[in-house]
Amino acid sequence: LSNPIDLGSGGGGGGGSGTKDGGAGGGALLLDIGGTFTLNGLISANGASGENGAGGGPGSSTAGGGGAGGTINITAETLSGTGIVRANGGNGGSTFGPGGGGAGGRVAMIVNTSNNSNLTTLAAAGTSGGAASDNGGAGTIYTENPGQANFSLKIDGGSAIAESSTPVSGPILTIDTFTVKNAWVPFAANSYVTFIASVSITGTNTLSFTTAAFAPSVAF
């Protein structure tokens, strides 16, 4: 969660005598900034969408799957700006056997001294190309701000209801702010998860815990 480095996986290619490629996975961007990082534009590590299928003769092929979102990992002394940071999964191709959606990627932002930003952060699941395939899983957005005792975690599938899981590992987790939307989130077996400040749950979700504890101050 806190220090992702992986590239997004490419989507699976379509089946058949033709070739319909899956979408490429998102790249990885790791920034370690000793001063101020101001973002008023866009940083994107989205997965690409799969190619649409084609049928009805030689060279037919089912659609390709969407690529998974990649990694955006930022550490800075000071963070400012109103830009966008995104690592969404790619959509599955459609027609003649739809492709599945790619999983959202991993975003981590750790700010040591001052965070004056109002960034939009996204790591949404890619949508499937049709009912015969599944949407991807939601990605994770991990943030640590100055003076924060623990961390905040957002797992947001976006407009797609995630149909693949987003496992969260770690035997003991203490989460200040937890936001989840349209996601399937299994916390590790035998883990102990404590929520400190706020929990926001919207959309359609599946959450599984071995043990979860809520501080008296938690707001829902």
C-alpha atoms as a PDB file:
ATOM      1  CA  LEU A   1       0.000   0.000   0.000  1.00  0.00           C
ATOM      2  CA  SER A   2       2.527   2.581   1.147  1.00  0.00           C
ATOM      3  CA  ASN A   3       5.345   2.030  -1.322  1.00  0.00           C
ATOM      4  CA  PRO A   4       4.064   0.552  -4.605  1.00  0.00           C
ATOM      5  CA  ILE A   5       6.535   0.059  -7.445  1.00  0.00           C
ATOM      6  CA  ASP A   6       4.895  -2.355  -9.890  1.00  0.00           C
ATOM      7  CA  LEU A   7       3.839  -1.816 -13.466  1.00  0.00           C
ATOM      8  CA  GLY A   8       0.259  -2.665 -14.360  1.00  0.00           C
ATOM      9  CA  SER A   9      -0.308  -6.066 -15.946  1.00  0.00           C
ATOM     10  CA  GLY A  10      -1.428  -6.233 -19.556  1.00  0.00           C
ATOM     11  CA  GLY A  11      -4.904  -7.493 -20.360  1.00  0.00           C
ATOM     12  CA  GLY A  12      -5.409 -10.919 -21.860  1.00  0.00           C
ATOM     13  CA  GLY A  13      -5.678 -11.207 -25.635  1.00  0.00           C
ATOM     14  CA  GLY A  14      -8.808 -12.397 -27.370  1.00  0.00           C
ATOM     15  CA  GLY A  15      -9.255 -15.998 -28.439  1.00  0.00           C
ATOM     16  CA  GLY A  16      -9.773 -17.225 -31.979  1.00  0.00           C
ATOM     17  CA  SER A  17      -7.890 -17.326 -35.246  1.00  0.00           C
ATOM     18  CA  GLY A  18      -7.445 -13.552 -35.333  1.00  0.00           C
ATOM     19  CA  THR A  19      -5.472 -11.383 -32.942  1.00  0.00           C
ATOM     20  CA  LYS A  20      -7.242  -8.879 -30.717  1.00  0.00           C
ATOM     21  CA  ASP A  21      -4.824  -7.568 -28.141  1.00  0.00           C
ATOM     22  CA  GLY A  22      -5.458  -6.904 -24.505  1.00  0.00           C
ATOM     23  CA  GLY A  23      -4.716  -3.395 -23.309  1.00  0.00           C
ATOM     24  CA  ALA A  24      -1.240  -2.501 -22.061  1.00  0.00           C
ATOM     25  CA  GLY A  25      -0.802  -2.082 -18.330  1.00  0.00           C
ATOM     26  CA  GLY A  26      -0.121   1.335 -16.842  1.00  0.00           C
ATOM     27  CA  GLY A  27       3.427   2.486 -16.158  1.00  0.00           C
ATOM     28  CA  ALA A  28       5.119   3.307 -12.864  1.00  0.00           C
ATOM     29  CA  LEU A  29       6.134   6.771 -11.688  1.00  0.00           C
ATOM     30  CA  LEU A  30       8.148   7.151  -8.472  1.00  0.00           C
ATOM     31  CA  LEU A  31       8.859  10.701  -7.297  1.00  0.00           C
ATOM     32  CA  ASP A  32      10.891  11.610  -4.209  1.00  0.00           C
ATOM     33  CA  ILE A  33      10.907  15.405  -3.925  1.00  0.00           C
ATOM     34  CA  GLY A  34      12.977  17.189  -1.304  1.00  0.00           C
ATOM     35  CA  GLY A  35      11.079  20.463  -1.640  1.00  0.00           C
ATOM     36  CA  THR A  36       7.663  21.570  -2.921  1.00  0.00           C
ATOM     37  CA  PHE A  37       5.722  19.606  -5.524  1.00  0.00           C
ATOM     38  CA  THR A  38       2.977  21.609  -7.229  1.00  0.00           C
ATOM     39  CA  LEU A  39       0.592  19.706  -9.486  1.00  0.00           C
ATOM     40  CA  ASN A  40      -2.017  21.583 -11.484  1.00  0.00           C
ATOM     41  CA  GLY A  41      -2.111  19.203 -14.424  1.00  0.00           C
ATOM     42  CA  LEU A  42      -2.477  15.453 -14.833  1.00  0.00           C
ATOM     43  CA  ILE A  43      -0.360  12.455 -13.873  1.00  0.00           C
ATOM     44  CA  SER A  44      -1.779   9.287 -15.410  1.00  0.00           C
ATOM     45  CA  ALA A  45      -0.786   5.638 -15.195  1.00  0.00           C
ATOM     46  CA  ASN A  46      -4.001   4.234 -16.631  1.00  0.00           C
ATOM     47  CA  GLY A  47      -4.228   0.817 -18.192  1.00  0.00           C
ATOM     48  CA  ALA A  48      -5.270   0.796 -21.864  1.00  0.00           C
ATOM     49  CA  SER A  49      -8.536  -0.669 -23.113  1.00  0.00           C
ATOM     50  CA  GLY A  50      -8.632  -4.012 -24.893  1.00  0.00           C
ATOM     51  CA  GLU A  51      -9.342  -4.246 -28.613  1.00  0.00           C
ATOM     52  CA  ASN A  52     -12.878  -5.002 -29.727  1.00  0.00           C
ATOM     53  CA  GLY A  53     -13.601  -8.471 -31.039  1.00  0.00           C
ATOM     54  CA  ALA A  54     -14.407  -9.320 -34.628  1.00  0.00           C
ATOM     55  CA  GLY A  55     -16.359 -12.294 -35.910  1.00  0.00           C
ATOM     56  CA  GLY A  56     -18.026 -13.798 -38.891  1.00  0.00           C
ATOM     57  CA  GLY A  57     -15.227 -15.398 -40.848  1.00  0.00           C
ATOM     58  CA  PRO A  58     -11.492 -16.014 -41.057  1.00  0.00           C
ATOM     59  CA  GLY A  59      -9.514 -13.963 -38.619  1.00  0.00           C
ATOM     60  CA  SER A  60     -12.326 -13.798 -36.069  1.00  0.00           C
ATOM     61  CA  SER A  61     -11.391 -13.189 -32.458  1.00  0.00           C
ATOM     62  CA  THR A  62     -13.027 -12.402 -29.150  1.00  0.00           C
ATOM     63  CA  ALA A  63     -12.229  -9.052 -27.543  1.00  0.00           C
ATOM     64  CA  GLY A  64      -9.134  -8.319 -25.472  1.00  0.00           C
ATOM     65  CA  GLY A  65      -9.181  -7.511 -21.769  1.00  0.00           C
ATOM     66  CA  GLY A  66      -8.313  -4.153 -20.253  1.00  0.00           C
ATOM     67  CA  GLY A  67      -4.858  -3.523 -18.830  1.00  0.00           C
ATOM     68  CA  ALA A  68      -4.385  -2.908 -15.128  1.00  0.00           C
ATOM     69  CA  GLY A  69      -3.560   0.533 -13.800  1.00  0.00           C
ATOM     70  CA  GLY A  70       0.054   1.137 -12.868  1.00  0.00           C
ATOM     71  CA  THR A  71       1.769   2.899  -9.958  1.00  0.00           C
ATOM     72  CA  ILE A  72       2.048   6.543  -8.911  1.00  0.00           C
ATOM     73  CA  ASN A  73       4.213   6.875  -5.811  1.00  0.00           C
ATOM     74  CA  ILE A  74       4.938  10.414  -4.574  1.00  0.00           C
ATOM     75  CA  THR A  75       6.894  11.534  -1.517  1.00  0.00           C
ATOM     76  CA  ALA A  76       7.321  15.277  -1.000  1.00  0.00           C
ATOM     77  CA  GLU A  77       8.104  17.749   1.750  1.00  0.00           C
ATOM     78  CA  THR A  78       5.286  20.053   0.588  1.00  0.00           C
ATOM     79  CA  LEU A  79       2.409  19.284  -1.771  1.00  0.00           C
ATOM     80  CA  SER A  80       0.159  21.827  -3.469  1.00  0.00           C
ATOM     81  CA  GLY A  81      -2.069  22.198  -6.513  1.00  0.00           C
ATOM     82  CA  THR A  82      -5.458  21.148  -7.832  1.00  0.00           C
ATOM     83  CA  GLY A  83      -4.424  18.549 -10.395  1.00  0.00           C
ATOM     84  CA  ILE A  84      -5.385  14.951 -11.065  1.00  0.00           C
ATOM     85  CA  VAL A  85      -3.549  11.750 -10.156  1.00  0.00           C
ATOM     86  CA  ARG A  86      -5.008   8.636 -11.743  1.00  0.00           C
ATOM     87  CA  ALA A  87      -4.194   4.967 -12.266  1.00  0.00           C
ATOM     88  CA  ASN A  88      -7.435   3.517 -13.596  1.00  0.00           C
ATOM     89  CA  GLY A  89      -7.880   0.092 -15.103  1.00  0.00           C
ATOM     90  CA  GLY A  90      -8.589  -0.135 -18.837  1.00  0.00           C
ATOM     91  CA  ASN A  91     -11.957  -1.215 -20.165  1.00  0.00           C
ATOM     92  CA  GLY A  92     -12.489  -4.575 -21.804  1.00  0.00           C
ATOM     93  CA  GLY A  93     -13.089  -4.689 -25.547  1.00  0.00           C
ATOM     94  CA  SER A  94     -16.630  -5.329 -26.711  1.00  0.00           C
ATOM     95  CA  THR A  95     -18.433  -7.243 -29.454  1.00  0.00           C
ATOM     96  CA  PHE A  96     -18.067 -10.936 -30.346  1.00  0.00           C
ATOM     97  CA  GLY A  97     -17.098 -12.093 -26.875  1.00  0.00           C
ATOM     98  CA  PRO A  98     -16.412  -9.173 -24.518  1.00  0.00           C
ATOM     99  CA  GLY A  99     -13.167  -8.721 -22.593  1.00  0.00           C
ATOM    100  CA  GLY A 100     -12.881  -8.215 -18.851  1.00  0.00           C
ATOM    101  CA  GLY A 101     -11.988  -4.901 -17.259  1.00  0.00           C
ATOM    102  CA  GLY A 102      -8.514  -4.220 -15.888  1.00  0.00           C
ATOM    103  CA  ALA A 103      -7.881  -3.646 -12.202  1.00  0.00           C
ATOM    104  CA  GLY A 104      -7.229  -0.191 -10.808  1.00  0.00           C
ATOM    105  CA  GLY A 105      -3.630   0.586  -9.945  1.00  0.00           C
ATOM    106  CA  ARG A 106      -1.787   1.777  -6.846  1.00  0.00           C
ATOM    107  CA  VAL A 107      -1.405   5.389  -5.748  1.00  0.00           C
ATOM    108  CA  ALA A 108       0.617   6.436  -2.697  1.00  0.00           C
ATOM    109  CA  MET A 109       1.253   9.993  -1.538  1.00  0.00           C
ATOM    110  CA  ILE A 110       3.336  10.782   1.548  1.00  0.00           C
ATOM    111  CA  VAL A 111       3.768  14.433   2.541  1.00  0.00           C
ATOM    112  CA  ASN A 112       6.210  15.271   5.310  1.00  0.00           C
ATOM    113  CA  THR A 113       5.824  18.979   6.097  1.00  0.00           C
ATOM    114  CA  SER A 114       2.801  20.702   4.545  1.00  0.00           C
ATOM    115  CA  ASN A 115      -0.084  19.576   2.330  1.00  0.00           C
ATOM    116  CA  ASN A 116      -2.034  22.473   0.816  1.00  0.00           C
ATOM    117  CA  SER A 117      -3.253  20.496  -2.182  1.00  0.00           C
ATOM    118  CA  ASN A 118      -6.748  19.678  -3.360  1.00  0.00           C
ATOM    119  CA  LEU A 119      -5.932  16.870  -5.773  1.00  0.00           C
ATOM    120  CA  THR A 120      -8.352  14.472  -7.439  1.00  0.00           C
ATOM    121  CA  THR A 121      -7.108  10.900  -6.988  1.00  0.00           C
ATOM    122  CA  LEU A 122      -8.469   7.963  -8.988  1.00  0.00           C
ATOM    123  CA  ALA A 123      -7.680   4.256  -9.217  1.00  0.00           C
ATOM    124  CA  ALA A 124     -10.948   2.933 -10.578  1.00  0.00           C
ATOM    125  CA  ALA A 125     -11.790  -0.491 -11.941  1.00  0.00           C
ATOM    126  CA  GLY A 126     -12.055  -0.942 -15.698  1.00  0.00           C
ATOM    127  CA  THR A 127     -15.464  -1.982 -16.979  1.00  0.00           C
ATOM    128  CA  SER A 128     -16.060  -5.200 -18.858  1.00  0.00           C
ATOM    129  CA  GLY A 129     -17.004  -5.116 -22.516  1.00  0.00           C
ATOM    130  CA  GLY A 130     -20.263  -6.936 -21.818  1.00  0.00           C
ATOM    131  CA  ALA A 131     -22.260  -9.111 -19.472  1.00  0.00           C
ATOM    132  CA  ALA A 132     -20.276 -12.259 -20.259  1.00  0.00           C
ATOM    133  CA  SER A 133     -17.119 -10.813 -18.650  1.00  0.00           C
ATOM    134  CA  ASP A 134     -16.315  -9.168 -15.329  1.00  0.00           C
ATOM    135  CA  ASN A 135     -15.335  -5.676 -14.314  1.00  0.00           C
ATOM    136  CA  GLY A 136     -11.868  -5.316 -12.824  1.00  0.00           C
ATOM    137  CA  GLY A 137     -11.000  -4.771  -9.183  1.00  0.00           C
ATOM    138  CA  ALA A 138     -10.666  -1.356  -7.563  1.00  0.00           C
ATOM    139  CA  GLY A 139      -7.218   0.114  -6.989  1.00  0.00           C
ATOM    140  CA  THR A 140      -5.851   1.602  -3.768  1.00  0.00           C
ATOM    141  CA  ILE A 141      -5.014   5.194  -2.805  1.00  0.00           C
ATOM    142  CA  TYR A 142      -2.799   5.512   0.276  1.00  0.00           C
ATOM    143  CA  THR A 143      -2.052   8.903   1.813  1.00  0.00           C
ATOM    144  CA  GLU A 144      -0.024  10.147   4.779  1.00  0.00           C
ATOM    145  CA  ASN A 145      -0.142  13.804   5.758  1.00  0.00           C
ATOM    146  CA  PRO A 146       1.994  15.811   8.189  1.00  0.00           C
ATOM    147  CA  GLY A 147       1.068  15.107  11.784  1.00  0.00           C
ATOM    148  CA  GLN A 148      -1.064  12.112  10.846  1.00  0.00           C
ATOM    149  CA  ALA A 149      -0.484   9.255  13.268  1.00  0.00           C
ATOM    150  CA  ASN A 150      -1.404   6.531  10.785  1.00  0.00           C
ATOM    151  CA  PHE A 151      -2.683   6.730   7.195  1.00  0.00           C
ATOM    152  CA  SER A 152      -5.774   7.158   5.042  1.00  0.00           C
ATOM    153  CA  LEU A 153      -6.941   4.569   2.530  1.00  0.00           C
ATOM    154  CA  LYS A 154      -9.362   4.979  -0.366  1.00  0.00           C
ATOM    155  CA  ILE A 155     -10.523   1.998  -2.439  1.00  0.00           C
ATOM    156  CA  ASP A 156     -12.906   3.278  -5.086  1.00  0.00           C
ATOM    157  CA  GLY A 157     -14.095   1.244  -8.049  1.00  0.00           C
ATOM    158  CA  GLY A 158     -15.493   4.349  -9.724  1.00  0.00           C
ATOM    159  CA  SER A 159     -18.659   3.913 -11.767  1.00  0.00           C
ATOM    160  CA  ALA A 160     -18.043   0.168 -12.191  1.00  0.00           C
ATOM    161  CA  ILE A 161     -18.962  -2.253  -9.419  1.00  0.00           C
ATOM    162  CA  ALA A 162     -15.732  -4.183  -8.925  1.00  0.00           C
ATOM    163  CA  GLU A 163     -16.081  -7.893  -9.653  1.00  0.00           C
ATOM    164  CA  SER A 164     -12.492  -8.804  -8.755  1.00  0.00           C
ATOM    165  CA  SER A 165     -11.104  -8.395  -5.268  1.00  0.00           C
ATOM    166  CA  THR A 166      -8.635  -5.850  -3.873  1.00  0.00           C
ATOM    167  CA  PRO A 167      -6.833  -7.734  -1.074  1.00  0.00           C
ATOM    168  CA  VAL A 168      -5.350  -5.627   1.733  1.00  0.00           C
ATOM    169  CA  SER A 169      -2.445  -7.326   3.484  1.00  0.00           C
ATOM    170  CA  GLY A 170      -0.884  -6.775   6.891  1.00  0.00           C
ATOM    171  CA  PRO A 171      -1.486  -8.468  10.258  1.00  0.00           C
ATOM    172  CA  ILE A 172      -2.180  -5.197  12.124  1.00  0.00           C
ATOM    173  CA  LEU A 173      -3.547  -2.109  10.365  1.00  0.00           C
ATOM    174  CA  THR A 174      -4.559   1.196  11.932  1.00  0.00           C
ATOM    175  CA  ILE A 175      -6.424   3.387   9.436  1.00  0.00           C
ATOM    176  CA  ASP A 176      -7.354   6.985  10.188  1.00  0.00           C
ATOM    177  CA  THR A 177      -9.751   7.587   7.291  1.00  0.00           C
ATOM    178  CA  PHE A 178     -11.209   4.754   5.200  1.00  0.00           C
ATOM    179  CA  THR A 179     -13.221   5.415   2.036  1.00  0.00           C
ATOM    180  CA  VAL A 180     -14.672   2.604  -0.061  1.00  0.00           C
ATOM    181  CA  LYS A 181     -17.008   2.629  -3.054  1.00  0.00           C
ATOM    182  CA  ASN A 182     -18.102  -0.165  -5.418  1.00  0.00           C
ATOM    183  CA  ALA A 183     -15.275  -2.431  -4.238  1.00  0.00           C
ATOM    184  CA  TRP A 184     -14.638  -5.983  -3.045  1.00  0.00           C
ATOM    185  CA  VAL A 185     -12.073  -5.768  -0.235  1.00  0.00           C
ATOM    186  CA  PRO A 186     -10.876  -8.801   1.709  1.00  0.00           C
ATOM    187  CA  PHE A 187      -8.526  -7.875   4.543  1.00  0.00           C
ATOM    188  CA  ALA A 188      -5.849 -10.482   5.263  1.00  0.00           C
ATOM    189  CA  ALA A 189      -6.834 -13.586   7.213  1.00  0.00           C
ATOM    190  CA  ASN A 190      -6.236 -13.207  10.967  1.00  0.00           C
ATOM    191  CA  SER A 191      -5.561  -9.479  10.598  1.00  0.00           C
ATOM    192  CA  TYR A 192      -6.642  -6.890  13.158  1.00  0.00           C
ATOM    193  CA  VAL A 193      -7.916  -3.654  11.615  1.00  0.00           C
ATOM    194  CA  THR A 194      -8.635  -0.542  13.671  1.00  0.00           C
ATOM    195  CA  PHE A 195     -10.474   2.480  12.255  1.00  0.00           C
ATOM    196  CA  ILE A 196      -9.706   5.740  14.038  1.00  0.00           C
ATOM    197  CA  ALA A 197     -11.411   8.799  12.540  1.00  0.00           C
ATOM    198  CA  SER A 198     -13.938   8.150   9.763  1.00  0.00           C
ATOM    199  CA  VAL A 199     -15.379   5.413   7.560  1.00  0.00           C
ATOM    200  CA  SER A 200     -17.267   6.224   4.344  1.00  0.00           C
ATOM    201  CA  ILE A 201     -19.016   3.404   2.458  1.00  0.00           C
ATOM    202  CA  THR A 202     -20.973   4.142  -0.724  1.00  0.00           C
ATOM    203  CA  GLY A 203     -22.198   2.069  -3.643  1.00  0.00           C
ATOM    204  CA  THR A 204     -22.107  -1.738  -3.686  1.00  0.00           C
ATOM    205  CA  ASN A 205     -19.314  -3.274  -1.613  1.00  0.00           C
ATOM    206  CA  THR A 206     -18.126  -6.536  -0.111  1.00  0.00           C
ATOM    207  CA  LEU A 207     -15.791  -6.173   2.879  1.00  0.00           C
ATOM    208  CA  SER A 208     -14.375  -9.073   4.878  1.00  0.00           C
ATOM    209  CA  PHE A 209     -12.419  -8.941   8.147  1.00  0.00           C
ATOM    210  CA  THR A 210     -11.201 -11.360  10.763  1.00  0.00           C
ATOM    211  CA  THR A 211     -11.295  -8.638  13.449  1.00  0.00           C
ATOM    212  CA  ALA A 212     -12.280  -4.991  13.016  1.00  0.00           C
ATOM    213  CA  ALA A 213     -12.369  -2.387  15.776  1.00  0.00           C
ATOM    214  CA  PHE A 214     -13.802   1.134  15.659  1.00  0.00           C
ATOM    215  CA  ALA A 215     -12.576   3.926  17.903  1.00  0.00           C
ATOM    216  CA  PRO A 216     -15.315   5.805  19.794  1.00  0.00           C
ATOM    217  CA  SER A 217     -14.614   8.903  17.689  1.00  0.00           C
ATOM    218  CA  VAL A 218     -15.229   7.181  14.318  1.00  0.00           C
ATOM    219  CA  ALA A 219     -17.738   8.990  12.113  1.00  0.00           C
ATOM    220  CA  PHE A 220     -19.740   6.991   9.544  1.00  0.00           C
END
